[in-house]
Amino acid sequence: MSYGVSAALQTAVFQSLSADVTLAGLVGSAIYDAAPTGTVPSLYVSLGPEDVTDASDKTGHGARHEFVVSVVSDTAGFLTAKGVAAAISDVLVDADLTLSRGSLIGLYFVSAKARRVQDSDVRRIDIRFMARVEDT
């Protein structure tokens, strides 16, 4: 197994989301590598946790990266957040990302969970993706 591609994958995902015109039309530049501090936008996207497992085979080192991209909104209802989540999915599913290390074999939607954040008016959608990478 190799964890060596993790930073390259995260960078490529972040750049891809940040460069998408449709997503920018929905959230502007409110796409973060970590949850923002200070004054928080009413609608933003944040890269979240990642779980990595070995996917090496006799041809080389590889890994499966399951990672979360979150949409957070204080707008009433889930409709706005779901629109942003759909745009994120459109950007990432089957994306052909160029990595600075290794190569992306495939990027797939795994699941999504929409919920109200406890004791608040905040809505959150966590979208889980799986990327298969090789460390070449």
C-alpha atoms as a PDB file:
ATOM      1  CA  MET A   1       0.000   0.000   0.000  1.00  0.00           C
ATOM      2  CA  SER A   2       1.019   3.578  -0.467  1.00  0.00           C
ATOM      3  CA  TYR A   3      -0.396   6.679   1.162  1.00  0.00           C
ATOM      4  CA  GLY A   4       1.896   8.733  -1.032  1.00  0.00           C
ATOM      5  CA  VAL A   5      -0.811   9.877  -3.445  1.00  0.00           C
ATOM      6  CA  SER A   6      -3.097  11.321  -0.760  1.00  0.00           C
ATOM      7  CA  ALA A   7      -1.898  14.943  -0.905  1.00  0.00           C
ATOM      8  CA  ALA A   8      -1.874  14.914  -4.708  1.00  0.00           C
ATOM      9  CA  LEU A   9      -5.447  13.572  -4.795  1.00  0.00           C
ATOM     10  CA  GLN A  10      -6.680  16.160  -2.278  1.00  0.00           C
ATOM     11  CA  THR A  11      -5.030  18.970  -4.226  1.00  0.00           C
ATOM     12  CA  ALA A  12      -6.560  17.802  -7.517  1.00  0.00           C
ATOM     13  CA  VAL A  13     -10.042  17.465  -5.988  1.00  0.00           C
ATOM     14  CA  PHE A  14      -9.815  20.935  -4.435  1.00  0.00           C
ATOM     15  CA  GLN A  15      -8.571  22.500  -7.679  1.00  0.00           C
ATOM     16  CA  SER A  16     -11.263  20.771  -9.718  1.00  0.00           C
ATOM     17  CA  LEU A  17     -14.038  21.985  -7.423  1.00  0.00           C
ATOM     18  CA  SER A  18     -12.583  25.500  -7.257  1.00  0.00           C
ATOM     19  CA  ALA A  19     -12.318  25.763 -11.051  1.00  0.00           C
ATOM     20  CA  ASP A  20     -15.882  24.663 -11.823  1.00  0.00           C
ATOM     21  CA  VAL A  21     -18.005  27.524 -13.135  1.00  0.00           C
ATOM     22  CA  THR A  22     -21.333  26.010 -12.074  1.00  0.00           C
ATOM     23  CA  LEU A  23     -20.163  25.390  -8.524  1.00  0.00           C
ATOM     24  CA  ALA A  24     -18.652  28.889  -8.347  1.00  0.00           C
ATOM     25  CA  GLY A  25     -22.027  30.284  -9.400  1.00  0.00           C
ATOM     26  CA  LEU A  26     -23.583  28.584  -6.379  1.00  0.00           C
ATOM     27  CA  VAL A  27     -20.988  29.142  -3.641  1.00  0.00           C
ATOM     28  CA  GLY A  28     -18.525  31.658  -5.086  1.00  0.00           C
ATOM     29  CA  SER A  29     -15.084  31.010  -3.653  1.00  0.00           C
ATOM     30  CA  ALA A  30     -16.432  29.413  -0.466  1.00  0.00           C
ATOM     31  CA  ILE A  31     -14.684  26.088  -1.025  1.00  0.00           C
ATOM     32  CA  TYR A  32     -12.344  25.133   1.794  1.00  0.00           C
ATOM     33  CA  ASP A  33      -9.736  22.533   2.576  1.00  0.00           C
ATOM     34  CA  ALA A  34     -10.900  22.780   6.209  1.00  0.00           C
ATOM     35  CA  ALA A  35     -13.983  24.244   7.843  1.00  0.00           C
ATOM     36  CA  PRO A  36     -13.662  28.039   7.899  1.00  0.00           C
ATOM     37  CA  THR A  37     -13.040  29.949  11.111  1.00  0.00           C
ATOM     38  CA  GLY A  38     -14.279  33.369  12.090  1.00  0.00           C
ATOM     39  CA  THR A  39     -17.259  34.644  10.122  1.00  0.00           C
ATOM     40  CA  VAL A  40     -18.623  31.596   8.360  1.00  0.00           C
ATOM     41  CA  PRO A  41     -20.385  31.964   4.996  1.00  0.00           C
ATOM     42  CA  SER A  42     -24.055  30.972   4.980  1.00  0.00           C
ATOM     43  CA  LEU A  43     -23.263  28.378   2.297  1.00  0.00           C
ATOM     44  CA  TYR A  44     -19.915  26.676   1.783  1.00  0.00           C
ATOM     45  CA  VAL A  45     -18.142  23.490   0.700  1.00  0.00           C
ATOM     46  CA  SER A  46     -15.487  21.803   2.801  1.00  0.00           C
ATOM     47  CA  LEU A  47     -13.221  18.834   2.141  1.00  0.00           C
ATOM     48  CA  GLY A  48     -13.563  16.375   4.978  1.00  0.00           C
ATOM     49  CA  PRO A  49     -12.315  13.099   6.386  1.00  0.00           C
ATOM     50  CA  GLU A  50     -10.560  10.433   4.350  1.00  0.00           C
ATOM     51  CA  ASP A  51     -10.207   6.672   4.873  1.00  0.00           C
ATOM     52  CA  VAL A  52      -7.568   4.843   2.844  1.00  0.00           C
ATOM     53  CA  THR A  53      -7.167   1.107   2.275  1.00  0.00           C
ATOM     54  CA  ASP A  54      -4.665  -0.916   0.334  1.00  0.00           C
ATOM     55  CA  ALA A  55      -5.422  -1.722  -3.285  1.00  0.00           C
ATOM     56  CA  SER A  56      -1.978  -2.905  -4.347  1.00  0.00           C
ATOM     57  CA  ASP A  57      -1.624  -5.818  -6.707  1.00  0.00           C
ATOM     58  CA  LYS A  58       1.212  -7.589  -8.476  1.00  0.00           C
ATOM     59  CA  THR A  59       1.545  -4.691 -10.919  1.00  0.00           C
ATOM     60  CA  GLY A  60       2.252  -2.065  -8.236  1.00  0.00           C
ATOM     61  CA  HIS A  61       1.203  -0.002  -5.235  1.00  0.00           C
ATOM     62  CA  GLY A  62      -2.286   1.365  -5.072  1.00  0.00           C
ATOM     63  CA  ALA A  63      -4.952   2.527  -2.665  1.00  0.00           C
ATOM     64  CA  ARG A  64      -8.662   3.218  -2.327  1.00  0.00           C
ATOM     65  CA  HIS A  65      -9.342   6.657  -0.878  1.00  0.00           C
ATOM     66  CA  GLU A  66     -12.829   7.204   0.500  1.00  0.00           C
ATOM     67  CA  PHE A  67     -13.236  10.900   1.212  1.00  0.00           C
ATOM     68  CA  VAL A  68     -16.036  13.257   2.147  1.00  0.00           C
ATOM     69  CA  VAL A  69     -16.963  16.593   0.616  1.00  0.00           C
ATOM     70  CA  SER A  70     -19.463  18.504   2.754  1.00  0.00           C
ATOM     71  CA  VAL A  71     -22.006  21.164   1.878  1.00  0.00           C
ATOM     72  CA  VAL A  72     -22.982  23.336   4.843  1.00  0.00           C
ATOM     73  CA  SER A  73     -25.862  25.810   4.700  1.00  0.00           C
ATOM     74  CA  ASP A  74     -27.908  27.893   7.118  1.00  0.00           C
ATOM     75  CA  THR A  75     -30.549  28.462   4.430  1.00  0.00           C
ATOM     76  CA  ALA A  76     -34.005  27.121   5.330  1.00  0.00           C
ATOM     77  CA  GLY A  77     -34.662  23.712   3.807  1.00  0.00           C
ATOM     78  CA  PHE A  78     -32.314  21.411   1.947  1.00  0.00           C
ATOM     79  CA  LEU A  79     -32.999  22.505  -1.637  1.00  0.00           C
ATOM     80  CA  THR A  80     -30.078  24.944  -1.921  1.00  0.00           C
ATOM     81  CA  ALA A  81     -27.623  22.516  -0.316  1.00  0.00           C
ATOM     82  CA  LYS A  82     -28.823  19.698  -2.576  1.00  0.00           C
ATOM     83  CA  GLY A  83     -28.196  21.847  -5.642  1.00  0.00           C
ATOM     84  CA  VAL A  84     -24.608  22.412  -4.496  1.00  0.00           C
ATOM     85  CA  ALA A  85     -24.212  18.699  -3.701  1.00  0.00           C
ATOM     86  CA  ALA A  86     -25.393  17.813  -7.209  1.00  0.00           C
ATOM     87  CA  ALA A  87     -22.870  20.232  -8.730  1.00  0.00           C
ATOM     88  CA  ILE A  88     -20.065  18.676  -6.661  1.00  0.00           C
ATOM     89  CA  SER A  89     -21.102  15.224  -7.802  1.00  0.00           C
ATOM     90  CA  ASP A  90     -21.181  16.397 -11.430  1.00  0.00           C
ATOM     91  CA  VAL A  91     -17.608  17.675 -11.083  1.00  0.00           C
ATOM     92  CA  LEU A  92     -16.125  14.640  -9.358  1.00  0.00           C
ATOM     93  CA  VAL A  93     -17.895  11.498 -10.578  1.00  0.00           C
ATOM     94  CA  ASP A  94     -15.764   9.887 -13.290  1.00  0.00           C
ATOM     95  CA  ALA A  95     -13.473  12.941 -13.277  1.00  0.00           C
ATOM     96  CA  ASP A  96     -10.204  12.683 -15.153  1.00  0.00           C
ATOM     97  CA  LEU A  97      -7.976  14.412 -12.601  1.00  0.00           C
ATOM     98  CA  THR A  98      -4.279  14.868 -13.200  1.00  0.00           C
ATOM     99  CA  LEU A  99      -2.296  14.183 -10.038  1.00  0.00           C
ATOM    100  CA  SER A 100       1.139  15.567  -9.202  1.00  0.00           C
ATOM    101  CA  ARG A 101       2.073  12.087  -7.934  1.00  0.00           C
ATOM    102  CA  GLY A 102       0.616   8.794  -9.061  1.00  0.00           C
ATOM    103  CA  SER A 103      -2.427   8.364 -11.227  1.00  0.00           C
ATOM    104  CA  LEU A 104      -6.166   8.281 -10.768  1.00  0.00           C
ATOM    105  CA  ILE A 105      -7.756   5.052 -11.985  1.00  0.00           C
ATOM    106  CA  GLY A 106     -11.334   6.053 -11.189  1.00  0.00           C
ATOM    107  CA  LEU A 107     -13.437   8.373  -9.047  1.00  0.00           C
ATOM    108  CA  TYR A 108     -16.902   7.228  -7.947  1.00  0.00           C
ATOM    109  CA  PHE A 109     -19.867   8.344  -5.843  1.00  0.00           C
ATOM    110  CA  VAL A 110     -20.380   6.118  -2.781  1.00  0.00           C
ATOM    111  CA  SER A 111     -23.107   7.722  -0.660  1.00  0.00           C
ATOM    112  CA  ALA A 112     -24.556  10.948   0.696  1.00  0.00           C
ATOM    113  CA  LYS A 113     -26.114  11.870   4.006  1.00  0.00           C
ATOM    114  CA  ALA A 114     -28.271  14.995   4.427  1.00  0.00           C
ATOM    115  CA  ARG A 115     -29.126  16.114   7.937  1.00  0.00           C
ATOM    116  CA  ARG A 116     -29.768  19.042  10.236  1.00  0.00           C
ATOM    117  CA  VAL A 117     -26.862  19.811  12.525  1.00  0.00           C
ATOM    118  CA  GLN A 118     -28.017  19.155  16.078  1.00  0.00           C
ATOM    119  CA  ASP A 119     -29.687  22.060  17.887  1.00  0.00           C
ATOM    120  CA  SER A 120     -29.240  24.529  15.021  1.00  0.00           C
ATOM    121  CA  ASP A 121     -30.768  25.692  11.751  1.00  0.00           C
ATOM    122  CA  VAL A 122     -27.719  24.485   9.836  1.00  0.00           C
ATOM    123  CA  ARG A 123     -28.111  21.845   7.156  1.00  0.00           C
ATOM    124  CA  ARG A 124     -25.221  19.614   6.133  1.00  0.00           C
ATOM    125  CA  ILE A 125     -24.809  17.155   3.293  1.00  0.00           C
ATOM    126  CA  ASP A 126     -21.805  14.830   3.456  1.00  0.00           C
ATOM    127  CA  ILE A 127     -21.014  13.257   0.082  1.00  0.00           C
ATOM    128  CA  ARG A 128     -18.679  10.252   0.147  1.00  0.00           C
ATOM    129  CA  PHE A 129     -16.538   9.478  -2.894  1.00  0.00           C
ATOM    130  CA  MET A 130     -14.092   6.668  -3.593  1.00  0.00           C
ATOM    131  CA  ALA A 131     -10.966   7.200  -5.654  1.00  0.00           C
ATOM    132  CA  ARG A 132      -8.809   4.314  -6.835  1.00  0.00           C
ATOM    133  CA  VAL A 133      -5.225   5.472  -7.301  1.00  0.00           C
ATOM    134  CA  GLU A 134      -1.887   3.966  -8.247  1.00  0.00           C
ATOM    135  CA  ASP A 135       1.436   5.272  -6.954  1.00  0.00           C
ATOM    136  CA  THR A 136       3.606   5.206 -10.049  1.00  0.00           C
END
